[in-house]
Amino acid sequence: MRAKSTTPPDQLSALFKHYMRAYMAQPSEAEANAVKAVQHSVSAGGTEWITNRKALAHVMATHLTIWPAGSGN
């Protein structure tokens, strides 16, 4: 895996748009299979799940399940 230290300014708009689309696509509860697929990808060193809006949305939904809104986290 290659580490980057900066994001070029010309990519910020697309990155923000991708994040917001994933945020808006969050299911009320994450699908277990989608989360397991991301966990498997991460353990194998994969990063493709980050660019997959559906996979990212399920990861975001997992965060909401663990730390519900208003819990102070």
Protein backbone atom coordinates (compact mmCIF):
# COMPACT_ATOMS: atom_id res chain seq x y z
CA MET A 1 0.00 0.00 0.00
CA ARG A 2 1.31 3.42 -0.94
CA ALA A 3 0.94 6.25 1.53
CA LYS A 4 0.17 9.76 0.35
CA SER A 5 0.89 12.79 2.43
CA THR A 6 -1.36 15.28 0.64
CA THR A 7 -4.45 15.45 -1.54
CA PRO A 8 -4.04 17.68 -4.56
CA PRO A 9 -6.39 20.69 -4.42
CA ASP A 10 -7.96 19.75 -7.76
CA GLN A 11 -9.19 16.46 -6.23
CA LEU A 12 -10.81 17.96 -3.13
CA SER A 13 -14.13 18.69 -4.81
CA ALA A 14 -14.47 15.12 -6.14
CA LEU A 15 -13.38 13.66 -2.80
CA PHE A 16 -15.96 15.71 -0.92
CA LYS A 17 -18.67 14.79 -3.42
CA HIS A 18 -17.81 11.07 -3.05
CA TYR A 19 -17.94 11.33 0.75
CA MET A 20 -21.29 13.15 0.72
CA ARG A 21 -22.83 10.65 -1.70
CA ALA A 22 -21.71 7.80 0.55
CA TYR A 23 -22.98 9.67 3.60
CA MET A 24 -26.40 10.19 2.01
CA ALA A 25 -26.54 6.53 0.92
CA GLN A 26 -26.06 5.14 4.43
CA PRO A 27 -28.55 2.42 5.29
CA SER A 28 -30.23 2.54 8.70
CA GLU A 29 -28.31 -0.62 9.57
CA ALA A 30 -25.17 -1.93 7.92
CA GLU A 31 -25.45 -5.26 6.10
CA ALA A 32 -23.26 -7.86 7.78
CA ASN A 33 -22.00 -9.22 4.44
CA ALA A 34 -20.94 -5.77 3.24
CA VAL A 35 -19.07 -5.08 6.48
CA LYS A 36 -17.38 -8.50 6.38
CA ALA A 37 -16.26 -7.85 2.81
CA VAL A 38 -14.68 -4.55 3.88
CA GLN A 39 -13.02 -6.21 6.88
CA HIS A 40 -11.60 -8.89 4.59
CA SER A 41 -10.36 -6.25 2.16
CA VAL A 42 -8.71 -4.24 4.94
CA SER A 43 -7.03 -7.32 6.43
CA ALA A 44 -5.65 -8.15 2.98
CA GLY A 45 -4.31 -4.60 2.61
CA GLY A 46 -6.95 -3.56 0.08
CA THR A 47 -8.17 -0.02 -0.26
CA GLU A 48 -10.71 -0.40 -3.09
CA TRP A 49 -13.62 -0.31 -0.61
CA ILE A 50 -12.89 3.39 -0.01
CA THR A 51 -13.80 4.25 -3.60
CA ASN A 52 -16.88 2.00 -3.54
CA ARG A 53 -19.73 4.26 -2.40
CA LYS A 54 -21.94 1.38 -1.20
CA ALA A 55 -19.15 -0.23 0.84
CA LEU A 56 -18.18 3.12 2.35
CA ALA A 57 -21.83 3.83 3.21
CA HIS A 58 -22.06 0.53 5.11
CA VAL A 59 -18.89 1.33 7.05
CA MET A 60 -20.36 4.72 7.93
CA ALA A 61 -23.58 3.03 9.06
CA THR A 62 -21.53 0.74 11.31
CA HIS A 63 -20.14 3.84 13.01
CA LEU A 64 -23.70 5.05 13.63
CA THR A 65 -24.60 1.69 15.17
CA ILE A 66 -21.61 1.76 17.51
CA TRP A 67 -21.82 5.47 18.40
CA PRO A 68 -25.40 6.67 17.98
CA ALA A 69 -25.99 10.38 17.48
CA GLY A 70 -26.00 12.29 20.75
CA SER A 71 -23.75 9.80 22.57
CA GLY A 72 -20.92 12.33 22.79
CA ASN A 73 -18.53 10.50 20.39
